[in-house]
Amino acid sequence: MRLSPKRVARPFLFFLLILLAPAAGEAKVTRYLTGDSADVAPRLHGPALDLGGGGTDVGEAIQWMIDEVRGCTTCDVTVDVVVLRASGADGYNDYIKKMKGVDSVETLVITDAADAKDAGVIKTIRNAEVVFFAGGDQCNYVRYFKGNEIERAVESVYARGGGVGGTSAGEAIQGEFVYDGCGTDGATSALALADPYDPTMRFTYDFFRWRYMGGVITDQHVVARQRLGRTLTFVARQLKDGRARRVLAVAVNEKTSVVVDRSGTARVVGAGPAYFILGDHAPEVCEPKRPLTFSGFKVWKLAPSGTFDLKHRPKAGFYLVSVKDGRPDKGLY
């Protein structure tokens, strides 16, 4: 019996779709490249960090990181930049490619931890001189990057003198202690202060460990979203849970970045402010279902161009803030 073209085509098409479909667990990275695909491999002069508070990106801070890594502001040395994100598209490519000293920008949209097995992805990250994490949901970065070859590739960039930066969720993962908010809508100051162990107060440990960022937890959008109450609680929780005896929060407002050079000097860039908040003793009350009480957080509030020495942390210049029964002192901001 002779088969009609339609009866042949349908089984063949079904077979072809199965053949071309990605196997279970196979990486499905979306790439966007702007610029030259060749690797430039210059001598690096960092490392450098850019901690962005979200909202509008601070181009000055990204340019600073690029210049810090290439070791100049006006020379002909160029670098390759990789943007890592778990959603979105190529919004950073043209923006960063127009900056001085940029040979290429490649965005990798990574939506599964299986992508860490993609040798091409790992090679692209390792060959970069600057890695920048876009905003979004930091829980995705924890799920997809932590403890695998993507994490190690980013660490290799920093280790050889490159730059690592991020904004909002991309900044949230840069401290030794990470607020991840996984499985929640995120902690608010009201929730955190009323119950430091509220289900939204979720943390990740043993992710990136950058120089001078030991004992540090970050926060973002802190004035715009009135988050300093939760920032204080982040610090109290790490102390109460025995993560460290001294915990420093770097809390950055929108349209603001804190950049950190290779000597450990942090500088505020953009609109400001940024807050450096130290907890150096145990909280009086930090327990489930009880409001936080903590006397004597040390707070440094820095305007644009203000600096903070992360290597030799200052012992003066702060003001004190306390929380009693979940209520911070007036004038917190």
Protein backbone atom coordinates (compact mmCIF):
# COMPACT_ATOMS: atom_id res chain seq x y z
CA MET A 1 0.00 0.00 0.00
CA ARG A 2 1.31 3.45 -0.96
CA LEU A 3 1.28 6.04 1.86
CA SER A 4 0.12 9.57 1.18
CA PRO A 5 2.59 12.48 1.74
CA LYS A 6 0.55 13.65 4.76
CA ARG A 7 0.71 10.24 6.43
CA VAL A 8 4.51 10.17 5.93
CA ALA A 9 5.15 13.79 6.94
CA ARG A 10 3.45 13.72 10.33
CA PRO A 11 5.43 10.81 11.84
CA PHE A 12 8.63 12.21 10.33
CA LEU A 13 7.97 15.68 11.79
CA PHE A 14 7.20 14.19 15.22
CA PHE A 15 10.48 12.21 15.07
CA LEU A 16 12.41 15.33 14.05
CA LEU A 17 11.00 17.36 16.95
CA ILE A 18 12.01 14.65 19.41
CA LEU A 19 15.47 14.49 17.86
CA LEU A 20 16.03 18.25 18.09
CA ALA A 21 14.46 18.80 21.53
CA PRO A 22 16.94 19.38 24.37
CA ALA A 23 17.49 16.38 26.58
CA ALA A 24 16.40 16.51 30.20
CA GLY A 25 18.91 18.54 32.21
CA GLU A 26 20.60 19.94 29.09
CA ALA A 27 21.58 23.60 29.24
CA LYS A 28 19.28 26.04 27.48
CA VAL A 29 21.23 29.30 27.74
CA THR A 30 20.15 32.30 25.70
CA ARG A 31 23.10 34.38 24.50
CA TYR A 32 23.27 37.96 23.28
CA LEU A 33 26.64 39.18 22.00
CA THR A 34 27.47 42.79 21.16
CA GLY A 35 30.99 43.47 19.90
CA ASP A 36 33.93 41.24 18.98
CA SER A 37 33.66 37.53 19.77
CA ALA A 38 37.45 37.15 20.08
CA ASP A 39 38.97 37.06 23.58
CA VAL A 40 41.07 40.14 24.36
CA ALA A 41 42.85 38.79 27.51
CA PRO A 42 44.54 41.97 28.82
CA ARG A 43 46.65 42.22 31.98
CA LEU A 44 44.30 42.95 34.89
CA HIS A 45 44.74 45.42 37.75
CA GLY A 46 41.86 44.65 40.12
CA PRO A 47 40.01 43.02 41.70
CA ALA A 48 37.11 45.44 41.90
CA LEU A 49 33.53 45.25 43.16
CA ASP A 50 30.44 47.27 42.24
CA LEU A 51 27.50 46.97 44.67
CA GLY A 52 24.46 48.59 43.09
CA GLY A 53 21.36 49.49 45.09
CA GLY A 54 18.89 49.02 42.24
CA GLY A 55 16.54 51.34 40.42
CA THR A 56 18.45 53.23 37.74
CA ASP A 57 21.92 51.79 37.09
CA VAL A 58 24.89 53.95 37.99
CA GLY A 59 26.93 54.10 34.80
CA GLU A 60 29.77 55.88 36.60
CA ALA A 61 30.20 52.87 38.89
CA ILE A 62 30.26 50.35 36.04
CA GLN A 63 32.74 52.52 34.15
CA TRP A 64 34.87 52.79 37.29
CA MET A 65 34.96 48.98 37.57
CA ILE A 66 35.97 48.64 33.92
CA ASP A 67 38.73 51.24 34.33
CA GLU A 68 39.93 49.75 37.62
CA VAL A 69 40.32 46.37 35.96
CA ARG A 70 42.07 47.63 32.83
CA GLY A 71 44.29 49.91 34.93
CA CYS A 72 43.55 53.21 33.21
CA THR A 73 40.89 55.70 32.20
CA THR A 74 42.13 56.87 28.79
CA CYS A 75 44.33 54.05 27.42
CA ASP A 76 43.51 51.71 24.54
CA VAL A 77 43.18 48.58 26.70
CA THR A 78 39.80 46.88 26.32
CA VAL A 79 37.93 44.20 28.28
CA ASP A 80 35.18 41.69 27.68
CA VAL A 81 32.11 42.00 29.91
CA VAL A 82 29.70 39.17 30.69
CA VAL A 83 26.25 39.97 32.06
CA LEU A 84 24.62 37.14 33.99
CA ARG A 85 20.88 37.05 34.50
CA ALA A 86 18.10 34.57 35.15
CA SER A 87 15.41 36.44 33.23
CA GLY A 88 15.14 39.25 30.71
CA ALA A 89 17.18 39.82 27.58
CA ASP A 90 19.98 42.02 26.25
CA GLY A 91 19.11 45.34 27.90
CA TYR A 92 22.67 45.88 29.15
CA ASN A 93 24.51 45.12 25.93
CA ASP A 94 24.33 48.45 24.12
CA TYR A 95 24.48 50.39 27.40
CA ILE A 96 27.77 48.87 28.52
CA LYS A 97 29.27 48.51 25.03
CA LYS A 98 29.20 52.31 24.68
CA MET A 99 31.43 52.71 27.73
CA LYS A 100 35.15 53.36 27.38
CA GLY A 101 37.41 50.34 27.14
CA VAL A 102 34.77 47.72 26.29
CA ASP A 103 35.55 45.24 23.51
CA SER A 104 32.42 43.14 23.90
CA VAL A 105 29.37 42.55 26.07
CA GLU A 106 27.77 39.12 26.18
CA THR A 107 24.58 38.49 28.15
CA LEU A 108 23.89 34.94 29.29
CA VAL A 109 20.31 34.26 30.39
CA ILE A 110 20.59 31.21 32.62
CA THR A 111 17.42 29.55 33.86
CA ASP A 112 18.59 26.23 35.24
CA ALA A 113 21.45 24.90 37.36
CA ALA A 114 22.09 22.40 34.56
CA ASP A 115 23.57 25.29 32.58
CA ALA A 116 26.65 25.03 34.82
CA LYS A 117 27.49 21.87 32.88
CA ASP A 118 27.71 23.74 29.58
CA ALA A 119 31.42 24.00 28.78
CA GLY A 120 30.81 26.92 26.43
CA VAL A 121 29.05 28.93 29.13
CA ILE A 122 31.86 28.32 31.61
CA LYS A 123 34.51 29.27 29.07
CA THR A 124 32.70 32.53 28.24
CA ILE A 125 32.53 33.51 31.91
CA ARG A 126 36.13 32.53 32.65
CA ASN A 127 37.41 34.53 29.69
CA ALA A 128 35.64 37.71 30.83
CA GLU A 129 37.40 40.54 32.61
CA VAL A 130 34.19 41.88 34.18
CA VAL A 131 31.08 39.96 35.30
CA PHE A 132 27.91 41.88 36.09
CA PHE A 133 24.76 40.38 37.66
CA ALA A 134 21.49 41.99 36.58
CA GLY A 135 18.60 42.62 38.94
CA GLY A 136 15.71 40.23 39.37
CA ASP A 137 15.35 37.54 42.02
CA GLN A 138 18.50 36.65 43.96
CA CYS A 139 16.99 33.29 44.87
CA ASN A 140 17.45 32.27 41.22
CA TYR A 141 21.15 33.14 41.41
CA VAL A 142 21.46 31.02 44.53
CA ARG A 143 19.63 28.11 42.89
CA TYR A 144 21.40 28.26 39.54
CA PHE A 145 24.96 29.38 40.40
CA LYS A 146 25.86 28.42 43.97
CA GLY A 147 28.29 25.54 44.42
CA ASN A 148 28.82 24.76 40.76
CA GLU A 149 31.08 25.64 37.84
CA ILE A 150 29.35 28.97 37.23
CA GLU A 151 30.23 30.12 40.74
CA ARG A 152 33.80 28.92 40.30
CA ALA A 153 34.10 30.63 36.92
CA VAL A 154 33.02 33.98 38.40
CA GLU A 155 35.44 33.50 41.27
CA SER A 156 38.25 32.87 38.79
CA VAL A 157 37.59 36.25 37.15
CA TYR A 158 37.88 38.02 40.48
CA ALA A 159 40.94 36.00 41.51
CA ARG A 160 42.94 37.06 38.49
CA GLY A 161 42.17 40.75 39.06
CA GLY A 162 38.85 41.16 37.29
CA GLY A 163 35.69 42.97 38.29
CA VAL A 164 32.45 41.61 39.72
CA GLY A 165 29.35 43.73 40.12
CA GLY A 166 25.62 43.66 40.31
CA THR A 167 22.53 45.68 40.98
CA SER A 168 19.59 44.92 43.28
CA ALA A 169 19.40 41.09 43.28
CA GLY A 170 22.85 41.11 41.70
CA GLU A 171 24.18 43.02 44.69
CA ALA A 172 22.33 40.84 47.22
CA ILE A 173 24.64 37.87 46.56
CA GLN A 174 27.95 39.71 47.01
CA GLY A 175 28.31 39.56 50.81
CA GLU A 176 29.49 36.58 52.86
CA PHE A 177 25.94 36.27 54.18
CA VAL A 178 23.11 36.44 51.63
CA TYR A 179 19.48 37.30 52.16
CA ASP A 180 17.88 35.08 49.50
CA GLY A 181 14.13 35.31 50.27
CA CYS A 182 13.61 31.98 48.52
CA GLY A 183 10.00 30.86 48.32
CA THR A 184 8.67 34.14 49.70
CA ASP A 185 7.56 37.58 48.50
CA GLY A 186 10.47 39.10 50.41
CA ALA A 187 10.89 40.45 53.92
CA THR A 188 9.67 43.92 54.81
CA SER A 189 10.93 45.99 57.71
CA ALA A 190 7.62 45.55 59.52
CA LEU A 191 7.71 41.76 59.25
CA ALA A 192 11.38 41.44 60.16
CA LEU A 193 11.27 43.74 63.19
CA ALA A 194 8.10 42.13 64.53
CA ASP A 195 9.56 38.62 64.18
CA PRO A 196 13.22 38.16 63.21
CA TYR A 197 12.39 34.54 62.35
CA ASP A 198 9.43 35.33 60.13
CA PRO A 199 9.28 32.82 57.21
CA THR A 200 10.39 35.55 54.81
CA MET A 201 13.73 35.85 56.64
CA ARG A 202 15.73 33.28 54.69
CA PHE A 203 19.50 33.27 54.24
CA THR A 204 22.16 31.50 52.18
CA TYR A 205 25.72 30.82 53.25
CA ASP A 206 28.95 29.67 51.58
CA PHE A 207 28.39 31.46 48.30
CA PHE A 208 30.88 34.10 47.11
CA ARG A 209 33.68 35.10 49.50
CA TRP A 210 35.22 38.29 48.17
CA ARG A 211 38.20 40.01 49.74
CA TYR A 212 37.15 42.50 52.46
CA MET A 213 33.55 41.25 52.39
CA GLY A 214 33.88 38.79 55.26
CA GLY A 215 31.13 39.12 57.83
CA VAL A 216 29.14 41.34 55.44
CA ILE A 217 25.50 41.18 54.40
CA THR A 218 24.05 43.57 51.81
CA ASP A 219 20.69 45.20 51.24
CA GLN A 220 19.25 47.30 48.41
CA HIS A 221 16.55 49.91 47.67
CA VAL A 222 16.94 50.81 51.33
CA VAL A 223 15.50 54.34 51.43
CA ALA A 224 13.09 54.01 48.52
CA ARG A 225 11.49 50.91 50.06
CA GLN A 226 12.10 51.77 53.73
CA ARG A 227 14.18 48.65 54.25
CA LEU A 228 16.64 49.67 56.95
CA GLY A 229 14.49 48.01 59.62
CA ARG A 230 14.96 44.67 57.92
CA THR A 231 18.67 45.45 57.37
CA LEU A 232 19.11 45.85 61.12
CA THR A 233 17.32 42.55 61.62
CA PHE A 234 19.56 40.86 59.04
CA VAL A 235 22.54 41.86 61.20
CA ALA A 236 20.89 40.75 64.44
CA ARG A 237 20.00 37.36 62.98
CA GLN A 238 23.58 36.58 61.92
CA LEU A 239 24.80 37.47 65.41
CA LYS A 240 22.09 35.48 67.15
CA ASP A 241 22.61 32.46 64.89
CA GLY A 242 26.34 32.48 65.63
CA ARG A 243 27.47 33.23 62.08
CA ALA A 244 29.96 35.85 63.28
CA ARG A 245 30.78 37.95 66.34
CA ARG A 246 30.77 41.16 64.29
CA VAL A 247 28.47 41.66 61.31
CA LEU A 248 28.52 44.59 58.90
CA ALA A 249 25.65 45.48 56.59
CA VAL A 250 26.27 47.45 53.41
CA ALA A 251 22.87 48.94 52.63
CA VAL A 252 22.63 50.89 49.39
CA ASN A 253 19.86 53.14 48.14
CA GLU A 254 18.51 53.24 44.59
CA LYS A 255 20.48 55.10 41.90
CA THR A 256 23.55 54.47 44.06
CA SER A 257 26.50 52.10 44.07
CA VAL A 258 29.26 51.29 46.51
CA VAL A 259 32.47 50.48 44.66
CA VAL A 260 35.31 48.63 46.38
CA ASP A 261 38.88 48.82 45.12
CA ARG A 262 41.69 46.30 45.56
CA SER A 263 42.88 47.99 48.77
CA GLY A 264 39.47 47.64 50.43
CA THR A 265 38.33 51.24 50.15
CA ALA A 266 34.59 51.47 49.54
CA ARG A 267 33.27 54.65 47.92
CA VAL A 268 29.71 55.83 47.35
CA VAL A 269 28.87 56.69 43.73
CA GLY A 270 25.59 58.10 42.44
CA ALA A 271 22.72 59.73 44.25
CA GLY A 272 23.34 58.25 47.71
CA PRO A 273 23.11 57.51 50.49
CA ALA A 274 24.69 54.24 51.54
CA TYR A 275 24.71 52.91 55.09
CA PHE A 276 27.37 50.80 56.78
CA ILE A 277 25.77 49.22 59.85
CA LEU A 278 27.79 47.31 62.41
CA GLY A 279 26.50 44.91 65.02
CA ASP A 280 29.32 44.01 67.40
CA HIS A 281 27.45 42.39 70.29
CA ALA A 282 24.55 40.03 70.83
CA PRO A 283 20.98 41.33 70.59
CA GLU A 284 18.97 41.52 73.79
CA VAL A 285 15.96 39.87 72.16
CA CYS A 286 16.10 38.06 68.83
CA GLU A 287 13.75 35.12 69.00
CA PRO A 288 10.90 33.63 66.98
CA LYS A 289 7.57 35.43 67.31
CA ARG A 290 9.03 38.19 69.49
CA PRO A 291 9.86 41.74 68.34
CA LEU A 292 13.54 42.58 67.99
CA THR A 293 15.34 44.46 70.73
CA PHE A 294 18.92 45.50 70.05
CA SER A 295 20.75 48.42 71.63
CA GLY A 296 23.56 50.22 69.88
CA PHE A 297 23.89 49.46 66.19
CA LYS A 298 26.75 51.59 64.88
CA VAL A 299 25.73 53.37 61.68
CA TRP A 300 27.82 55.28 59.17
CA LYS A 301 25.65 57.14 56.67
CA LEU A 302 27.65 58.14 53.61
CA ALA A 303 26.77 60.70 50.97
CA PRO A 304 28.14 60.54 47.40
CA SER A 305 31.97 60.37 47.37
CA GLY A 306 32.00 59.23 51.00
CA THR A 307 34.42 56.40 51.78
CA PHE A 308 34.59 53.49 54.21
CA ASP A 309 37.68 51.36 54.82
CA LEU A 310 36.59 47.72 54.67
CA LYS A 311 40.11 46.48 55.38
CA HIS A 312 40.72 48.59 58.48
CA ARG A 313 37.17 49.19 59.60
CA PRO A 314 36.72 52.52 61.38
CA LYS A 315 36.09 52.86 65.09
CA ALA A 316 34.69 56.39 64.98
CA GLY A 317 32.38 58.54 62.89
CA PHE A 318 29.23 56.52 63.53
CA TYR A 319 25.95 57.29 65.23
CA LEU A 320 24.04 54.82 67.38
CA VAL A 321 20.65 53.34 66.56
CA SER A 322 18.65 51.05 68.81
CA VAL A 323 15.55 48.92 68.34
CA LYS A 324 13.20 48.29 71.26
CA ASP A 325 10.25 45.93 70.96
CA GLY A 326 10.48 46.06 67.17
CA ARG A 327 10.59 49.87 66.95
CA PRO A 328 13.78 51.58 65.73
CA ASP A 329 14.84 55.00 66.98
CA LYS A 330 13.51 57.97 65.11
CA GLY A 331 15.93 59.40 62.59
CA LEU A 332 17.02 55.97 61.39
CA TYR A 333 17.32 57.26 57.84
